[in-house]
Amino acid sequence: MLSISKFSQLTGICRSTLIYYDEIGLFAPASRGTNNYRYYSHQQIITVNLINVMRDLDVPVKVIRELVRKRTPQSISVLLAEQERELKKKIHWLRDTQNIILTLHTLLESGMAADESRISVCETDKLRIILGPENDFGDGSSFYNGFLIFCAQAKAQGVNLNYPIGGYFDDINVFLGEPSRPTRFFFINPEGSEQKPAGRYLTGYTRGYYGQTNDLPERMKAYARRHKLVMEGPVYNIYLFDEISISDPNRYLLQVTVRVV
């Protein structure tokens, strides 16, 4: 038999916790000595380890106590299957949260490293995105109406709204014609099914509130003409700084990119 101190050392469970387990009827010592000291058997190490695992999983004490008293292979199997399902949900949530944090951090680092005054051509890695449906601005609705509709549709489809959102234009002509009305919105999501391809992108920056591009479209067009660049494919608008990092909404930092040859 093992004294409570020795049993505590072997299991890593503090003495006061073992006493508490005994007092609430969750886990009793194998026997009591004539001095009323608690003594544990070696096989109880396995039992108390299972109790600790279940407590770490937030299984209620009442459930654990009942299970330990009347445990069978079937009842333990049912419990473990249920906890496995719950753990998968938690793991998915943790992975999603990690992706959101990494994505936001990457955007902030890009914004702090950007030379906002320059138009330049940059080699860009691919970017995974979730592309939303085509926006309908036919009734004269604004950027904000389209944005709210996009968020409502994404929420209805179970998309996590915490990922950064960008604007997608079919081509440079669409962007130049209506720079505040993207063809679609998209989420920047490392597990997205679509992507912004890797390649050489004409890149420019401007400060302002959502939907504001100031003179950036004309500056990008002039730069491409001056350097004999052909802009092809979609235009991507991404806010590197937004309300998460900037308190003044007129100081949000927008990055606009389009592939060039």
Protein backbone atom coordinates (compact mmCIF):
# COMPACT_ATOMS: atom_id res chain seq x y z
CA MET A 1 0.00 0.00 0.00
CA LEU A 2 1.07 3.57 -0.66
CA SER A 3 0.81 6.47 1.75
CA ILE A 4 -1.01 9.56 0.54
CA SER A 5 2.33 11.37 0.22
CA LYS A 6 3.86 8.58 -1.90
CA PHE A 7 0.70 8.29 -4.00
CA SER A 8 0.78 12.05 -4.54
CA GLN A 9 4.38 11.88 -5.76
CA LEU A 10 3.64 9.03 -8.18
CA THR A 11 0.51 10.59 -9.70
CA GLY A 12 1.44 14.27 -9.57
CA ILE A 13 -1.83 15.01 -7.79
CA CYS A 14 -1.36 17.20 -4.74
CA ARG A 15 -2.25 15.83 -1.33
CA SER A 16 -5.03 18.34 -0.73
CA THR A 17 -6.72 17.31 -4.00
CA LEU A 18 -6.66 13.63 -3.00
CA ILE A 19 -8.24 14.54 0.33
CA TYR A 20 -10.88 16.61 -1.50
CA TYR A 21 -11.63 13.70 -3.87
CA ASP A 22 -12.13 11.46 -0.85
CA GLU A 23 -14.39 13.95 0.97
CA ILE A 24 -16.76 14.39 -1.97
CA GLY A 25 -16.93 10.66 -2.65
CA LEU A 26 -15.16 10.86 -5.99
CA PHE A 27 -12.04 8.81 -5.23
CA ALA A 28 -11.49 7.09 -1.88
CA PRO A 29 -8.27 5.44 -0.66
CA ALA A 30 -8.12 1.66 -0.75
CA SER A 31 -7.96 1.53 3.03
CA ARG A 32 -7.45 3.47 6.24
CA GLY A 33 -4.82 2.65 8.82
CA THR A 34 -5.42 2.37 12.55
CA ASN A 35 -4.18 5.95 12.72
CA ASN A 36 -6.89 6.88 10.14
CA TYR A 37 -4.19 7.64 7.55
CA ARG A 38 -5.16 7.10 3.91
CA TYR A 39 -3.48 4.28 1.95
CA TYR A 40 -3.75 3.61 -1.77
CA SER A 41 -3.17 0.57 -3.95
CA HIS A 42 -0.99 0.59 -7.04
CA GLN A 43 -3.91 -0.06 -9.41
CA GLN A 44 -5.61 3.09 -8.16
CA ILE A 45 -3.01 5.10 -10.06
CA ILE A 46 -4.81 4.13 -13.29
CA THR A 47 -8.22 5.07 -11.88
CA VAL A 48 -7.21 8.48 -10.61
CA ASN A 49 -5.44 9.26 -13.88
CA LEU A 50 -8.72 8.67 -15.74
CA ILE A 51 -10.52 10.94 -13.26
CA ASN A 52 -7.99 13.69 -13.91
CA VAL A 53 -8.39 13.37 -17.67
CA MET A 54 -12.17 13.67 -17.33
CA ARG A 55 -11.85 16.69 -15.03
CA ASP A 56 -9.51 18.34 -17.55
CA LEU A 57 -12.26 17.79 -20.14
CA ASP A 58 -14.73 19.58 -17.82
CA VAL A 59 -16.84 16.47 -17.24
CA PRO A 60 -19.04 17.28 -14.18
CA VAL A 61 -17.91 15.73 -10.89
CA LYS A 62 -21.34 14.16 -10.46
CA VAL A 63 -20.98 12.31 -13.78
CA ILE A 64 -17.43 11.17 -12.99
CA ARG A 65 -18.43 9.95 -9.54
CA GLU A 66 -21.32 7.89 -10.90
CA LEU A 67 -19.17 6.50 -13.70
CA VAL A 68 -16.34 5.47 -11.38
CA ARG A 69 -18.74 3.71 -9.04
CA LYS A 70 -20.51 1.77 -11.79
CA ARG A 71 -17.91 1.64 -14.51
CA THR A 72 -18.11 -0.94 -17.28
CA PRO A 73 -16.32 -1.20 -20.63
CA GLN A 74 -19.53 -0.04 -22.30
CA SER A 75 -20.02 3.05 -20.13
CA ILE A 76 -16.38 4.12 -20.45
CA SER A 77 -16.57 3.62 -24.22
CA VAL A 78 -19.67 5.83 -24.47
CA LEU A 79 -18.00 8.56 -22.39
CA LEU A 80 -14.78 8.49 -24.40
CA ALA A 81 -16.67 8.64 -27.72
CA GLU A 82 -18.60 11.68 -26.49
CA GLN A 83 -15.44 13.41 -25.28
CA GLU A 84 -13.69 12.66 -28.57
CA ARG A 85 -16.48 14.50 -30.43
CA GLU A 86 -16.20 17.47 -28.08
CA LEU A 87 -12.41 17.56 -28.45
CA LYS A 88 -12.67 17.61 -32.24
CA LYS A 89 -14.92 20.68 -31.96
CA LYS A 90 -12.44 22.39 -29.64
CA ILE A 91 -9.49 21.51 -31.88
CA HIS A 92 -11.31 22.95 -34.90
CA TRP A 93 -12.08 26.13 -32.95
CA LEU A 94 -8.46 26.45 -31.78
CA ARG A 95 -7.13 25.93 -35.31
CA ASP A 96 -9.56 28.52 -36.65
CA THR A 97 -8.56 30.99 -33.96
CA GLN A 98 -4.87 30.41 -34.64
CA ASN A 99 -5.43 31.02 -38.37
CA ILE A 100 -7.26 34.29 -37.63
CA ILE A 101 -4.44 35.50 -35.36
CA LEU A 102 -1.74 34.55 -37.89
CA THR A 103 -3.63 36.23 -40.73
CA LEU A 104 -4.18 39.47 -38.81
CA HIS A 105 -0.55 39.49 -37.65
CA THR A 106 0.71 39.00 -41.22
CA LEU A 107 -1.40 41.93 -42.47
CA LEU A 108 -0.13 44.20 -39.70
CA GLU A 109 3.49 43.27 -40.42
CA SER A 110 2.94 43.96 -44.13
CA GLY A 111 1.41 47.34 -43.34
CA MET A 112 4.24 48.39 -41.02
CA ALA A 113 6.81 47.40 -43.67
CA ALA A 114 5.00 49.12 -46.56
CA ASP A 115 6.30 52.24 -48.29
CA GLU A 116 2.93 53.94 -48.60
CA SER A 117 4.11 56.69 -50.94
CA ARG A 118 5.36 54.33 -53.68
CA ILE A 119 3.72 52.40 -56.47
CA SER A 120 5.83 49.32 -57.13
CA VAL A 121 5.86 45.85 -58.63
CA CYS A 122 6.24 43.10 -56.01
CA GLU A 123 6.57 39.33 -56.11
CA THR A 124 3.67 38.02 -54.05
CA ASP A 125 2.94 34.58 -52.61
CA LYS A 126 -0.45 32.99 -53.18
CA LEU A 127 -3.20 33.91 -50.73
CA ARG A 128 -6.04 31.56 -49.84
CA ILE A 129 -9.47 33.22 -49.82
CA ILE A 130 -13.19 32.48 -49.56
CA LEU A 131 -14.82 34.39 -52.39
CA GLY A 132 -18.35 35.66 -51.86
CA PRO A 133 -21.18 35.98 -54.42
CA GLU A 134 -21.30 38.81 -56.94
CA ASN A 135 -22.47 42.12 -55.50
CA ASP A 136 -25.53 43.85 -56.93
CA PHE A 137 -25.11 47.62 -57.04
CA GLY A 138 -27.78 48.02 -59.70
CA ASP A 139 -30.12 49.93 -57.41
CA GLY A 140 -27.42 52.47 -56.60
CA SER A 141 -26.64 50.92 -53.23
CA SER A 142 -23.34 51.80 -51.58
CA PHE A 143 -20.23 49.88 -50.56
CA TYR A 144 -21.72 49.44 -47.10
CA ASN A 145 -24.97 47.87 -48.31
CA GLY A 146 -23.04 45.29 -50.30
CA PHE A 147 -20.73 44.66 -47.37
CA LEU A 148 -23.61 44.04 -44.95
CA ILE A 149 -25.34 41.70 -47.40
CA PHE A 150 -22.08 39.76 -47.85
CA CYS A 151 -21.64 39.37 -44.07
CA ALA A 152 -25.26 38.24 -43.61
CA GLN A 153 -24.94 35.62 -46.37
CA ALA A 154 -21.60 34.37 -45.00
CA LYS A 155 -23.04 34.04 -41.50
CA ALA A 156 -26.03 32.09 -42.84
CA GLN A 157 -23.58 29.68 -44.49
CA GLY A 158 -21.60 29.17 -41.27
CA VAL A 159 -18.52 31.11 -42.39
CA ASN A 160 -16.39 32.53 -39.57
CA LEU A 161 -16.79 36.31 -39.81
CA ASN A 162 -13.65 37.02 -37.76
CA TYR A 163 -11.32 36.62 -40.74
CA PRO A 164 -10.18 39.81 -42.54
CA ILE A 165 -12.36 40.86 -45.49
CA GLY A 166 -11.17 42.20 -48.83
CA GLY A 167 -12.63 43.52 -52.07
CA TYR A 168 -12.36 41.68 -55.43
CA PHE A 169 -12.75 43.39 -58.82
CA ASP A 170 -13.06 41.36 -62.04
CA ASP A 171 -10.35 43.42 -63.77
CA ILE A 172 -8.58 46.77 -63.76
CA ASN A 173 -11.29 48.46 -65.85
CA VAL A 174 -13.96 47.56 -63.31
CA PHE A 175 -11.74 48.88 -60.54
CA LEU A 176 -10.97 52.14 -62.36
CA GLY A 177 -14.65 52.65 -63.16
CA GLU A 178 -16.07 51.97 -59.67
CA PRO A 179 -13.18 51.71 -57.19
CA SER A 180 -15.55 51.77 -54.19
CA ARG A 181 -17.80 48.97 -55.50
CA PRO A 182 -16.00 45.61 -55.63
CA THR A 183 -17.45 42.88 -57.82
CA ARG A 184 -17.27 40.58 -54.79
CA PHE A 185 -16.02 40.53 -51.24
CA PHE A 186 -13.79 37.82 -49.87
CA PHE A 187 -12.42 36.47 -46.60
CA ILE A 188 -8.67 35.94 -46.23
CA ASN A 189 -8.70 32.39 -44.90
CA PRO A 190 -5.71 29.97 -45.04
CA GLU A 191 -8.19 27.12 -45.60
CA GLY A 192 -10.16 28.89 -48.33
CA SER A 193 -11.03 26.98 -51.50
CA GLU A 194 -10.06 29.86 -53.84
CA GLN A 195 -6.82 31.79 -54.04
CA LYS A 196 -5.13 34.95 -55.13
CA PRO A 197 -2.36 33.40 -57.29
CA ALA A 198 1.32 34.02 -56.67
CA GLY A 199 3.03 36.32 -59.14
CA ARG A 200 4.19 39.86 -59.94
CA TYR A 201 1.69 42.43 -58.71
CA LEU A 202 1.48 46.16 -59.20
CA THR A 203 1.00 47.35 -55.62
CA GLY A 204 -0.14 50.65 -54.15
CA TYR A 205 -1.38 52.01 -50.84
CA THR A 206 -3.69 54.72 -49.62
CA ARG A 207 -5.22 55.87 -46.35
CA GLY A 208 -8.92 56.33 -45.75
CA TYR A 209 -12.18 54.81 -44.59
CA TYR A 210 -13.72 51.70 -46.15
CA GLY A 211 -14.44 52.23 -49.83
CA GLN A 212 -12.13 55.23 -50.16
CA THR A 213 -9.33 54.92 -52.72
CA ASN A 214 -8.52 58.63 -53.22
CA ASP A 215 -6.22 59.08 -56.25
CA LEU A 216 -4.67 55.60 -56.02
CA PRO A 217 -6.44 54.14 -59.12
CA GLU A 218 -5.13 56.95 -61.33
CA ARG A 219 -1.62 56.69 -59.85
CA MET A 220 -1.50 52.95 -60.51
CA LYS A 221 -2.77 53.42 -64.06
CA ALA A 222 -0.16 56.13 -64.73
CA TYR A 223 2.64 53.98 -63.30
CA ALA A 224 1.67 51.02 -65.49
CA ARG A 225 1.57 53.21 -68.61
CA ARG A 226 4.89 54.82 -67.79
CA HIS A 227 6.62 51.45 -67.27
CA LYS A 228 4.80 49.74 -70.16
CA LEU A 229 3.09 47.21 -67.88
CA VAL A 230 -0.07 45.34 -68.81
CA MET A 231 -2.45 44.82 -65.89
CA GLU A 232 -4.36 41.55 -66.15
CA GLY A 233 -6.80 39.59 -64.04
CA PRO A 234 -8.60 40.59 -60.86
CA VAL A 235 -7.78 43.52 -58.60
CA TYR A 236 -7.57 42.81 -54.86
CA ASN A 237 -8.22 45.39 -52.14
CA ILE A 238 -7.03 44.48 -48.64
CA TYR A 239 -7.04 46.65 -45.52
CA LEU A 240 -3.74 46.11 -43.72
CA PHE A 241 -4.75 48.51 -40.95
CA ASP A 242 -8.41 48.75 -39.93
CA GLU A 243 -10.42 49.26 -36.76
CA ILE A 244 -8.46 46.48 -35.05
CA SER A 245 -5.25 48.53 -35.08
CA ILE A 246 -6.28 52.14 -35.89
CA SER A 247 -8.69 54.27 -33.83
CA ASP A 248 -9.15 56.93 -36.55
CA PRO A 249 -11.26 55.44 -39.38
CA ASN A 250 -9.85 57.98 -41.83
CA ARG A 251 -6.39 56.45 -41.33
CA TYR A 252 -7.10 52.86 -42.33
CA LEU A 253 -4.41 51.53 -44.70
CA LEU A 254 -5.63 50.01 -47.97
CA GLN A 255 -3.40 47.87 -50.19
CA VAL A 256 -4.44 47.45 -53.86
CA THR A 257 -2.78 44.81 -56.06
CA VAL A 258 -3.18 43.62 -59.65
CA ARG A 259 -1.02 41.19 -61.65
CA VAL A 260 1.17 42.66 -64.36
CA VAL A 261 3.15 41.44 -67.39
